[in-house]
Amino acid sequence: SLSLAPVLPLVMNHFRVSLLSLSLTVLAFVISVVFLPETLPDAVASQNRRQQPSETSTSEETTVATTCRSSLVVTSVLSMPFQKVAILNRTTMLQLLTVGAFFASMVYSTDINLVLFYMEAHLNFRDQDIARLFFVSGAVGLIVQVVLLQPLIRLFGEKWLLVATFACGSLHNFLYGISKDQTGIWAAFLLSQFTHLNYPLLSSFASKGALETEQGRVQGALSAISALAAALGPVLMQSIYDYTKDSIIFGPGTMFVFAALLYLTGTIIVSFLQVDQLFSPHAVASPSSYDEEEEA
């Protein structure tokens, strides 16, 4: 879909493309509501329902205790998101994954939001050039994700493949920054398809750092951190662009060089992941599980 979408402006005007995008979005919403099945396992749903009364009573007690002071209510509401994402602070592995995902999302949002404007403004890309670029890179991405992902995991292992994708992200953003013609952008776009392997790998690592009943919480917290980074990334890079677009070294590409440094930092961070932490049941076990083991 990413490779075919840029071709549409070649056969439609931009208004019709917008209408088509709106129609597809509405269709996706209808399909999600009507046809998508429930994926939560029955056992997990039953456990959550058993825990619900105590959680509700705790919530009611908290509400009664804070009604006298509206400031406490506001503090409680504002602190709730931080309490939810605190699960990512449980183990060193999750902490490293969170920092790595933060840098990756910050740079990725910059790449998808600013790189097209950069190519059109400074490297003379037009609709036809962008369509060809996305079509070829999308085809390469399909091959990488579907055909090469599993062989690469078997060859390097998940940890070192993740490190390699971060290093690849640093390289392709550096190419964005130093490219003076379309050839460098083509090379960077093709390399970026290998960088995109870090998203399924990060999710895989995160799922192994939590109990079965906490998969949704961990993945949701990781998505929340990534969304925050995605909001900050373009703002930060645009500021760097405004201050450095007339510099004599990298010029307007300085923001991508800075993005490469962020990815390089992420590469160093994820290299400290310890594989043995992923499969340690005590690394993610809750206090109640220890009590059950002692009673047994």
C-alpha atoms as a PDB file:
ATOM      1  CA  SER A   1       0.000   0.000   0.000  1.00  0.00           C
ATOM      2  CA  LEU A   2       2.851   2.399   0.790  1.00  0.00           C
ATOM      3  CA  SER A   3       4.423   1.704  -2.573  1.00  0.00           C
ATOM      4  CA  LEU A   4       1.192   2.096  -4.573  1.00  0.00           C
ATOM      5  CA  ALA A   5      -0.251   5.165  -2.828  1.00  0.00           C
ATOM      6  CA  PRO A   6       2.172   7.734  -4.352  1.00  0.00           C
ATOM      7  CA  VAL A   7       1.211   6.489  -7.828  1.00  0.00           C
ATOM      8  CA  LEU A   8      -2.364   7.741  -7.397  1.00  0.00           C
ATOM      9  CA  PRO A   9      -1.555  11.435  -8.028  1.00  0.00           C
ATOM     10  CA  LEU A  10      -0.262  10.406 -11.432  1.00  0.00           C
ATOM     11  CA  VAL A  11      -3.731   9.242 -12.519  1.00  0.00           C
ATOM     12  CA  MET A  12      -5.944  11.462 -10.296  1.00  0.00           C
ATOM     13  CA  ASN A  13      -5.918  15.051  -9.167  1.00  0.00           C
ATOM     14  CA  HIS A  14      -5.170  15.709  -5.518  1.00  0.00           C
ATOM     15  CA  PHE A  15      -8.815  16.363  -4.601  1.00  0.00           C
ATOM     16  CA  ARG A  16      -9.898  12.949  -5.893  1.00  0.00           C
ATOM     17  CA  VAL A  17      -7.003  11.325  -4.089  1.00  0.00           C
ATOM     18  CA  SER A  18      -8.225  12.958  -0.873  1.00  0.00           C
ATOM     19  CA  LEU A  19     -11.753  11.647  -1.438  1.00  0.00           C
ATOM     20  CA  LEU A  20     -10.390   8.167  -2.103  1.00  0.00           C
ATOM     21  CA  SER A  21      -8.328   8.324   1.092  1.00  0.00           C
ATOM     22  CA  LEU A  22     -11.389   9.357   3.096  1.00  0.00           C
ATOM     23  CA  SER A  23     -13.460   6.535   1.578  1.00  0.00           C
ATOM     24  CA  LEU A  24     -10.809   3.928   2.350  1.00  0.00           C
ATOM     25  CA  THR A  25     -10.514   5.181   5.934  1.00  0.00           C
ATOM     26  CA  VAL A  26     -14.283   4.907   6.461  1.00  0.00           C
ATOM     27  CA  LEU A  27     -14.260   1.444   4.882  1.00  0.00           C
ATOM     28  CA  ALA A  28     -11.458   0.332   7.208  1.00  0.00           C
ATOM     29  CA  PHE A  29     -13.454   1.607  10.196  1.00  0.00           C
ATOM     30  CA  VAL A  30     -16.557  -0.328   9.128  1.00  0.00           C
ATOM     31  CA  ILE A  31     -14.558  -3.519   8.580  1.00  0.00           C
ATOM     32  CA  SER A  32     -12.937  -3.136  12.012  1.00  0.00           C
ATOM     33  CA  VAL A  33     -16.305  -2.721  13.734  1.00  0.00           C
ATOM     34  CA  VAL A  34     -18.235  -5.397  11.857  1.00  0.00           C
ATOM     35  CA  PHE A  35     -15.789  -8.135  10.934  1.00  0.00           C
ATOM     36  CA  LEU A  36     -12.735  -8.092  13.223  1.00  0.00           C
ATOM     37  CA  PRO A  37     -12.947 -10.852  15.887  1.00  0.00           C
ATOM     38  CA  GLU A  38     -12.058 -10.500  19.549  1.00  0.00           C
ATOM     39  CA  THR A  39      -8.410 -11.439  20.096  1.00  0.00           C
ATOM     40  CA  LEU A  40      -8.358 -11.412  23.900  1.00  0.00           C
ATOM     41  CA  PRO A  41      -8.102 -15.046  25.126  1.00  0.00           C
ATOM     42  CA  ASP A  42     -11.059 -16.230  27.213  1.00  0.00           C
ATOM     43  CA  ALA A  43      -8.789 -17.171  30.127  1.00  0.00           C
ATOM     44  CA  VAL A  44      -7.278 -13.684  30.252  1.00  0.00           C
ATOM     45  CA  ALA A  45     -10.707 -12.067  29.961  1.00  0.00           C
ATOM     46  CA  SER A  46     -12.019 -14.192  32.842  1.00  0.00           C
ATOM     47  CA  GLN A  47      -9.064 -13.254  35.030  1.00  0.00           C
ATOM     48  CA  ASN A  48      -9.586  -9.564  34.265  1.00  0.00           C
ATOM     49  CA  ARG A  49     -13.272  -9.847  35.180  1.00  0.00           C
ATOM     50  CA  ARG A  50     -12.376 -11.486  38.493  1.00  0.00           C
ATOM     51  CA  GLN A  51     -10.013  -8.625  39.252  1.00  0.00           C
ATOM     52  CA  GLN A  52     -12.499  -5.953  38.234  1.00  0.00           C
ATOM     53  CA  PRO A  53     -14.479  -5.659  41.529  1.00  0.00           C
ATOM     54  CA  SER A  54     -11.383  -4.916  43.616  1.00  0.00           C
ATOM     55  CA  GLU A  55     -10.178  -2.420  41.054  1.00  0.00           C
ATOM     56  CA  THR A  56     -13.596  -0.736  41.018  1.00  0.00           C
ATOM     57  CA  SER A  57     -13.796  -0.494  44.783  1.00  0.00           C
ATOM     58  CA  THR A  58     -10.312   0.949  44.897  1.00  0.00           C
ATOM     59  CA  SER A  59     -11.339   3.506  42.286  1.00  0.00           C
ATOM     60  CA  GLU A  60     -14.465   4.421  44.271  1.00  0.00           C
ATOM     61  CA  GLU A  61     -12.484   4.811  47.492  1.00  0.00           C
ATOM     62  CA  THR A  62      -9.984   6.997  45.693  1.00  0.00           C
ATOM     63  CA  THR A  63     -12.768   9.146  44.249  1.00  0.00           C
ATOM     64  CA  VAL A  64     -14.435   9.629  47.640  1.00  0.00           C
ATOM     65  CA  ALA A  65     -11.122  10.472  49.267  1.00  0.00           C
ATOM     66  CA  THR A  66     -10.289  13.134  46.692  1.00  0.00           C
ATOM     67  CA  THR A  67     -13.638  14.871  46.242  1.00  0.00           C
ATOM     68  CA  CYS A  68     -12.842  17.271  49.080  1.00  0.00           C
ATOM     69  CA  ARG A  69      -9.854  18.623  47.259  1.00  0.00           C
ATOM     70  CA  SER A  70     -10.187  19.226  43.533  1.00  0.00           C
ATOM     71  CA  SER A  71      -6.462  19.705  43.187  1.00  0.00           C
ATOM     72  CA  LEU A  72      -5.894  16.103  44.224  1.00  0.00           C
ATOM     73  CA  VAL A  73      -8.388  14.958  41.605  1.00  0.00           C
ATOM     74  CA  VAL A  74      -6.562  16.876  38.904  1.00  0.00           C
ATOM     75  CA  THR A  75      -3.234  15.472  40.090  1.00  0.00           C
ATOM     76  CA  SER A  76      -4.636  11.960  40.016  1.00  0.00           C
ATOM     77  CA  VAL A  77      -5.954  12.357  36.473  1.00  0.00           C
ATOM     78  CA  LEU A  78      -2.724  13.877  35.219  1.00  0.00           C
ATOM     79  CA  SER A  79      -0.592  11.202  36.840  1.00  0.00           C
ATOM     80  CA  MET A  80      -2.648   8.293  35.489  1.00  0.00           C
ATOM     81  CA  PRO A  81      -0.801   8.063  32.108  1.00  0.00           C
ATOM     82  CA  PHE A  82       2.533   7.964  33.937  1.00  0.00           C
ATOM     83  CA  GLN A  83       1.229   5.193  36.178  1.00  0.00           C
ATOM     84  CA  LYS A  84       0.183   3.187  33.133  1.00  0.00           C
ATOM     85  CA  VAL A  85       3.533   3.454  31.365  1.00  0.00           C
ATOM     86  CA  ALA A  86       5.418   2.724  34.588  1.00  0.00           C
ATOM     87  CA  ILE A  87       5.280  -0.961  33.624  1.00  0.00           C
ATOM     88  CA  LEU A  88       8.119  -0.188  31.197  1.00  0.00           C
ATOM     89  CA  ASN A  89      10.309   0.667  34.175  1.00  0.00           C
ATOM     90  CA  ARG A  90       9.992  -2.835  35.616  1.00  0.00           C
ATOM     91  CA  THR A  91      13.149  -4.387  34.210  1.00  0.00           C
ATOM     92  CA  THR A  92      16.367  -3.153  32.675  1.00  0.00           C
ATOM     93  CA  MET A  93      15.429  -4.824  29.413  1.00  0.00           C
ATOM     94  CA  LEU A  94      12.154  -2.908  29.136  1.00  0.00           C
ATOM     95  CA  GLN A  95      13.924   0.329  30.044  1.00  0.00           C
ATOM     96  CA  LEU A  96      16.457  -0.161  27.243  1.00  0.00           C
ATOM     97  CA  LEU A  97      13.707  -1.082  24.784  1.00  0.00           C
ATOM     98  CA  THR A  98      11.730   2.013  25.738  1.00  0.00           C
ATOM     99  CA  VAL A  99      14.652   4.361  25.155  1.00  0.00           C
ATOM    100  CA  GLY A 100      15.473   2.661  21.864  1.00  0.00           C
ATOM    101  CA  ALA A 101      11.848   2.825  20.699  1.00  0.00           C
ATOM    102  CA  PHE A 102      11.691   6.500  21.684  1.00  0.00           C
ATOM    103  CA  PHE A 103      14.662   7.429  19.492  1.00  0.00           C
ATOM    104  CA  ALA A 104      13.469   5.247  16.624  1.00  0.00           C
ATOM    105  CA  SER A 105       9.956   6.745  16.636  1.00  0.00           C
ATOM    106  CA  MET A 106      11.296  10.287  16.879  1.00  0.00           C
ATOM    107  CA  VAL A 107      13.429   9.796  13.775  1.00  0.00           C
ATOM    108  CA  TYR A 108      10.820   7.748  11.892  1.00  0.00           C
ATOM    109  CA  SER A 109       8.180  10.473  12.273  1.00  0.00           C
ATOM    110  CA  THR A 110      10.698  12.968  10.928  1.00  0.00           C
ATOM    111  CA  ASP A 111      11.481  10.764   7.953  1.00  0.00           C
ATOM    112  CA  ILE A 112       7.854  10.281   6.928  1.00  0.00           C
ATOM    113  CA  ASN A 113       6.778  13.893   7.583  1.00  0.00           C
ATOM    114  CA  LEU A 114       9.721  16.025   6.481  1.00  0.00           C
ATOM    115  CA  VAL A 115      11.784  14.037   4.001  1.00  0.00           C
ATOM    116  CA  LEU A 116       9.283  14.517   1.142  1.00  0.00           C
ATOM    117  CA  PHE A 117       9.266  18.291   1.612  1.00  0.00           C
ATOM    118  CA  TYR A 118      13.057  18.208   1.792  1.00  0.00           C
ATOM    119  CA  MET A 119      13.349  16.236  -1.444  1.00  0.00           C
ATOM    120  CA  GLU A 120      10.962  18.514  -3.320  1.00  0.00           C
ATOM    121  CA  ALA A 121      12.507  21.735  -2.024  1.00  0.00           C
ATOM    122  CA  HIS A 122      16.206  20.893  -2.309  1.00  0.00           C
ATOM    123  CA  LEU A 123      16.654  17.900  -4.639  1.00  0.00           C
ATOM    124  CA  ASN A 124      14.117  18.639  -7.382  1.00  0.00           C
ATOM    125  CA  PHE A 125      11.860  15.626  -6.780  1.00  0.00           C
ATOM    126  CA  ARG A 126       8.466  15.711  -8.514  1.00  0.00           C
ATOM    127  CA  ASP A 127       5.356  13.537  -8.278  1.00  0.00           C
ATOM    128  CA  GLN A 128       6.671  11.079 -10.861  1.00  0.00           C
ATOM    129  CA  ASP A 129      10.030  10.758  -9.101  1.00  0.00           C
ATOM    130  CA  ILE A 130       8.366  10.217  -5.715  1.00  0.00           C
ATOM    131  CA  ALA A 131       5.981   7.628  -7.180  1.00  0.00           C
ATOM    132  CA  ARG A 132       8.841   5.608  -8.655  1.00  0.00           C
ATOM    133  CA  LEU A 133      10.865   5.923  -5.458  1.00  0.00           C
ATOM    134  CA  PHE A 134       8.034   4.705  -3.217  1.00  0.00           C
ATOM    135  CA  PHE A 135       7.062   1.910  -5.597  1.00  0.00           C
ATOM    136  CA  VAL A 136      10.566   0.442  -5.765  1.00  0.00           C
ATOM    137  CA  SER A 137      11.313   0.930  -2.053  1.00  0.00           C
ATOM    138  CA  GLY A 138       7.905  -0.545  -1.165  1.00  0.00           C
ATOM    139  CA  ALA A 139       8.663  -3.623  -3.244  1.00  0.00           C
ATOM    140  CA  VAL A 140      12.022  -3.957  -1.514  1.00  0.00           C
ATOM    141  CA  GLY A 141      10.322  -3.551   1.855  1.00  0.00           C
ATOM    142  CA  LEU A 142       7.863  -6.312   0.994  1.00  0.00           C
ATOM    143  CA  ILE A 143      10.714  -8.665   0.157  1.00  0.00           C
ATOM    144  CA  VAL A 144      12.617  -7.739   3.330  1.00  0.00           C
ATOM    145  CA  GLN A 145       9.612  -8.164   5.648  1.00  0.00           C
ATOM    146  CA  VAL A 146       8.127 -11.297   4.096  1.00  0.00           C
ATOM    147  CA  VAL A 147      11.111 -13.176   2.689  1.00  0.00           C
ATOM    148  CA  LEU A 148      14.249 -12.045   4.520  1.00  0.00           C
ATOM    149  CA  LEU A 149      13.086 -11.361   8.084  1.00  0.00           C
ATOM    150  CA  GLN A 150      13.049 -14.939   9.385  1.00  0.00           C
ATOM    151  CA  PRO A 151      16.337 -15.969   7.690  1.00  0.00           C
ATOM    152  CA  LEU A 152      17.997 -12.856   9.101  1.00  0.00           C
ATOM    153  CA  ILE A 153      16.723 -13.679  12.604  1.00  0.00           C
ATOM    154  CA  ARG A 154      18.112 -17.213  12.318  1.00  0.00           C
ATOM    155  CA  LEU A 155      21.415 -15.861  11.024  1.00  0.00           C
ATOM    156  CA  PHE A 156      22.036 -13.003  13.472  1.00  0.00           C
ATOM    157  CA  GLY A 157      19.573 -13.617  16.293  1.00  0.00           C
ATOM    158  CA  GLU A 158      16.940 -11.089  17.363  1.00  0.00           C
ATOM    159  CA  LYS A 159      19.261  -8.916  19.436  1.00  0.00           C
ATOM    160  CA  TRP A 160      21.985  -8.389  16.881  1.00  0.00           C
ATOM    161  CA  LEU A 161      19.503  -7.997  14.047  1.00  0.00           C
ATOM    162  CA  LEU A 162      17.851  -5.253  16.113  1.00  0.00           C
ATOM    163  CA  VAL A 163      21.241  -3.604  16.613  1.00  0.00           C
ATOM    164  CA  ALA A 164      21.893  -3.863  12.864  1.00  0.00           C
ATOM    165  CA  THR A 165      18.564  -2.210  12.009  1.00  0.00           C
ATOM    166  CA  PHE A 166      19.346   0.700  14.317  1.00  0.00           C
ATOM    167  CA  ALA A 167      22.783   1.068  12.741  1.00  0.00           C
ATOM    168  CA  CYS A 168      21.126   0.968   9.325  1.00  0.00           C
ATOM    169  CA  GLY A 169      18.781   3.737  10.484  1.00  0.00           C
ATOM    170  CA  SER A 170      21.745   5.877  11.423  1.00  0.00           C
ATOM    171  CA  LEU A 171      23.336   5.258   8.020  1.00  0.00           C
ATOM    172  CA  HIS A 172      20.278   5.983   5.902  1.00  0.00           C
ATOM    173  CA  ASN A 173      19.529   9.224   7.766  1.00  0.00           C
ATOM    174  CA  PHE A 174      23.146  10.303   7.321  1.00  0.00           C
ATOM    175  CA  LEU A 175      22.713   9.669   3.594  1.00  0.00           C
ATOM    176  CA  TYR A 176      19.626  11.884   3.623  1.00  0.00           C
ATOM    177  CA  GLY A 177      21.709  14.642   5.160  1.00  0.00           C
ATOM    178  CA  ILE A 178      24.680  14.537   2.809  1.00  0.00           C
ATOM    179  CA  SER A 179      22.909  13.686  -0.471  1.00  0.00           C
ATOM    180  CA  LYS A 180      23.267  16.294  -3.175  1.00  0.00           C
ATOM    181  CA  ASP A 181      21.277  14.488  -5.853  1.00  0.00           C
ATOM    182  CA  GLN A 182      18.551  11.867  -6.255  1.00  0.00           C
ATOM    183  CA  THR A 183      20.991   8.944  -6.277  1.00  0.00           C
ATOM    184  CA  GLY A 184      21.820   9.366  -2.594  1.00  0.00           C
ATOM    185  CA  ILE A 185      18.124   9.575  -1.708  1.00  0.00           C
ATOM    186  CA  TRP A 186      17.431   6.364  -3.603  1.00  0.00           C
ATOM    187  CA  ALA A 187      20.170   4.571  -1.675  1.00  0.00           C
ATOM    188  CA  ALA A 188      18.864   5.939   1.615  1.00  0.00           C
ATOM    189  CA  PHE A 189      15.278   4.902   0.866  1.00  0.00           C
ATOM    190  CA  LEU A 190      16.302   1.358   0.006  1.00  0.00           C
ATOM    191  CA  LEU A 191      18.363   1.084   3.200  1.00  0.00           C
ATOM    192  CA  SER A 192      15.422   2.402   5.213  1.00  0.00           C
ATOM    193  CA  GLN A 193      13.460  -0.766   4.393  1.00  0.00           C
ATOM    194  CA  PHE A 194      15.949  -2.729   6.503  1.00  0.00           C
ATOM    195  CA  THR A 195      15.660  -0.112   9.242  1.00  0.00           C
ATOM    196  CA  HIS A 196      11.898  -0.732   9.416  1.00  0.00           C
ATOM    197  CA  LEU A 197      12.576  -4.251  10.667  1.00  0.00           C
ATOM    198  CA  ASN A 198      13.218  -2.765  14.115  1.00  0.00           C
ATOM    199  CA  TYR A 199       9.502  -2.240  14.788  1.00  0.00           C
ATOM    200  CA  PRO A 200       8.443  -5.919  14.776  1.00  0.00           C
ATOM    201  CA  LEU A 201      11.659  -6.763  16.631  1.00  0.00           C
ATOM    202  CA  LEU A 202      10.982  -4.182  19.354  1.00  0.00           C
ATOM    203  CA  SER A 203       7.449  -5.531  19.801  1.00  0.00           C
ATOM    204  CA  SER A 204       8.776  -9.072  19.982  1.00  0.00           C
ATOM    205  CA  PHE A 205      11.288  -8.149  22.665  1.00  0.00           C
ATOM    206  CA  ALA A 206       8.670  -6.251  24.668  1.00  0.00           C
ATOM    207  CA  SER A 207       6.250  -9.184  24.569  1.00  0.00           C
ATOM    208  CA  LYS A 208       8.915 -11.420  26.092  1.00  0.00           C
ATOM    209  CA  GLY A 209       9.439  -8.995  28.947  1.00  0.00           C
ATOM    210  CA  ALA A 210       5.919  -9.298  30.378  1.00  0.00           C
ATOM    211  CA  LEU A 211       3.472 -11.873  31.658  1.00  0.00           C
ATOM    212  CA  GLU A 212       0.809 -13.267  29.340  1.00  0.00           C
ATOM    213  CA  THR A 213      -1.867 -11.210  31.086  1.00  0.00           C
ATOM    214  CA  GLU A 214       0.178  -8.007  30.659  1.00  0.00           C
ATOM    215  CA  GLN A 215       0.839  -8.110  26.931  1.00  0.00           C
ATOM    216  CA  GLY A 216      -1.726  -5.419  26.177  1.00  0.00           C
ATOM    217  CA  ARG A 217      -0.397  -3.117  28.908  1.00  0.00           C
ATOM    218  CA  VAL A 218       3.206  -3.415  27.756  1.00  0.00           C
ATOM    219  CA  GLN A 219       2.434  -2.980  24.063  1.00  0.00           C
ATOM    220  CA  GLY A 220       0.088  -0.081  24.831  1.00  0.00           C
ATOM    221  CA  ALA A 221       2.654   1.654  27.027  1.00  0.00           C
ATOM    222  CA  LEU A 222       5.329   1.195  24.357  1.00  0.00           C
ATOM    223  CA  SER A 223       2.960   2.630  21.735  1.00  0.00           C
ATOM    224  CA  ALA A 224       2.249   5.609  23.999  1.00  0.00           C
ATOM    225  CA  ILE A 225       5.963   6.362  24.383  1.00  0.00           C
ATOM    226  CA  SER A 226       6.416   5.999  20.619  1.00  0.00           C
ATOM    227  CA  ALA A 227       3.497   8.362  19.964  1.00  0.00           C
ATOM    228  CA  LEU A 228       5.047  10.968  22.248  1.00  0.00           C
ATOM    229  CA  ALA A 229       8.345  10.641  20.408  1.00  0.00           C
ATOM    230  CA  ALA A 230       6.561  10.872  17.049  1.00  0.00           C
ATOM    231  CA  ALA A 231       5.024  14.177  18.138  1.00  0.00           C
ATOM    232  CA  LEU A 232       8.332  15.616  19.339  1.00  0.00           C
ATOM    233  CA  GLY A 233      10.461  14.443  16.423  1.00  0.00           C
ATOM    234  CA  PRO A 234       9.246  16.725  13.600  1.00  0.00           C
ATOM    235  CA  VAL A 235       9.099  19.747  15.921  1.00  0.00           C
ATOM    236  CA  LEU A 236      12.697  19.244  17.024  1.00  0.00           C
ATOM    237  CA  MET A 237      13.969  18.551  13.516  1.00  0.00           C
ATOM    238  CA  GLN A 238      12.129  21.550  12.070  1.00  0.00           C
ATOM    239  CA  SER A 239      13.795  23.746  14.672  1.00  0.00           C
ATOM    240  CA  ILE A 240      17.196  22.346  13.745  1.00  0.00           C
ATOM    241  CA  TYR A 241      16.396  22.925  10.063  1.00  0.00           C
ATOM    242  CA  ASP A 242      15.451  26.566  10.687  1.00  0.00           C
ATOM    243  CA  TYR A 243      18.734  27.258  12.484  1.00  0.00           C
ATOM    244  CA  THR A 244      21.070  25.295  10.187  1.00  0.00           C
ATOM    245  CA  LYS A 245      19.587  25.485   6.669  1.00  0.00           C
ATOM    246  CA  ASP A 246      22.160  28.122   5.662  1.00  0.00           C
ATOM    247  CA  SER A 247      25.189  26.470   7.305  1.00  0.00           C
ATOM    248  CA  ILE A 248      28.199  25.743   5.137  1.00  0.00           C
ATOM    249  CA  ILE A 249      28.793  22.142   6.276  1.00  0.00           C
ATOM    250  CA  PHE A 250      25.601  20.093   5.819  1.00  0.00           C
ATOM    251  CA  GLY A 251      23.194  22.934   5.134  1.00  0.00           C
ATOM    252  CA  PRO A 252      19.502  21.968   5.200  1.00  0.00           C
ATOM    253  CA  GLY A 253      20.474  18.315   5.634  1.00  0.00           C
ATOM    254  CA  THR A 254      21.818  18.971   9.132  1.00  0.00           C
ATOM    255  CA  MET A 255      18.541  17.823  10.702  1.00  0.00           C
ATOM    256  CA  PHE A 256      19.021  14.377   9.163  1.00  0.00           C
ATOM    257  CA  VAL A 257      22.607  14.217  10.381  1.00  0.00           C
ATOM    258  CA  PHE A 258      21.280  14.954  13.872  1.00  0.00           C
ATOM    259  CA  ALA A 259      18.664  12.192  13.346  1.00  0.00           C
ATOM    260  CA  ALA A 260      21.520   9.846  12.421  1.00  0.00           C
ATOM    261  CA  LEU A 261      23.184  10.668  15.746  1.00  0.00           C
ATOM    262  CA  LEU A 262      19.949   9.849  17.577  1.00  0.00           C
ATOM    263  CA  TYR A 263      19.771   6.489  15.830  1.00  0.00           C
ATOM    264  CA  LEU A 264      23.439   5.885  16.626  1.00  0.00           C
ATOM    265  CA  THR A 265      22.657   6.528  20.294  1.00  0.00           C
ATOM    266  CA  GLY A 266      19.787   4.054  20.047  1.00  0.00           C
ATOM    267  CA  THR A 267      22.150   1.532  18.471  1.00  0.00           C
ATOM    268  CA  ILE A 268      24.481   1.733  21.457  1.00  0.00           C
ATOM    269  CA  ILE A 269      21.577   1.444  23.902  1.00  0.00           C
ATOM    270  CA  VAL A 270      19.957  -1.660  22.371  1.00  0.00           C
ATOM    271  CA  SER A 271      23.363  -3.343  22.130  1.00  0.00           C
ATOM    272  CA  PHE A 272      23.260  -3.645  25.939  1.00  0.00           C
ATOM    273  CA  LEU A 273      20.169  -5.861  25.832  1.00  0.00           C
ATOM    274  CA  GLN A 274      20.778  -9.165  27.587  1.00  0.00           C
ATOM    275  CA  VAL A 275      19.092 -12.069  25.848  1.00  0.00           C
ATOM    276  CA  ASP A 276      18.964 -14.156  29.027  1.00  0.00           C
ATOM    277  CA  GLN A 277      16.707 -11.526  30.638  1.00  0.00           C
ATOM    278  CA  LEU A 278      14.030 -12.179  28.053  1.00  0.00           C
ATOM    279  CA  PHE A 279      13.258 -15.681  29.157  1.00  0.00           C
ATOM    280  CA  SER A 280      13.735 -15.314  32.920  1.00  0.00           C
ATOM    281  CA  PRO A 281      10.381 -15.909  34.589  1.00  0.00           C
ATOM    282  CA  HIS A 282      11.535 -14.030  37.716  1.00  0.00           C
ATOM    283  CA  ALA A 283      12.317 -10.908  35.681  1.00  0.00           C
ATOM    284  CA  VAL A 284       8.638 -10.264  35.065  1.00  0.00           C
ATOM    285  CA  ALA A 285       6.895 -12.245  37.774  1.00  0.00           C
ATOM    286  CA  SER A 286       4.507 -10.366  40.021  1.00  0.00           C
ATOM    287  CA  PRO A 287       4.803 -10.484  43.827  1.00  0.00           C
ATOM    288  CA  SER A 288       1.709 -12.673  44.051  1.00  0.00           C
ATOM    289  CA  SER A 289       3.334 -15.283  41.837  1.00  0.00           C
ATOM    290  CA  TYR A 290       6.237 -15.553  44.266  1.00  0.00           C
ATOM    291  CA  ASP A 291       3.782 -16.161  47.102  1.00  0.00           C
ATOM    292  CA  GLU A 292       2.046 -18.892  45.126  1.00  0.00           C
ATOM    293  CA  GLU A 293       5.382 -20.595  44.428  1.00  0.00           C
ATOM    294  CA  GLU A 294       6.341 -20.495  48.108  1.00  0.00           C
ATOM    295  CA  GLU A 295       2.966 -21.962  49.179  1.00  0.00           C
ATOM    296  CA  ALA A 296       3.334 -24.706  46.573  1.00  0.00           C
END
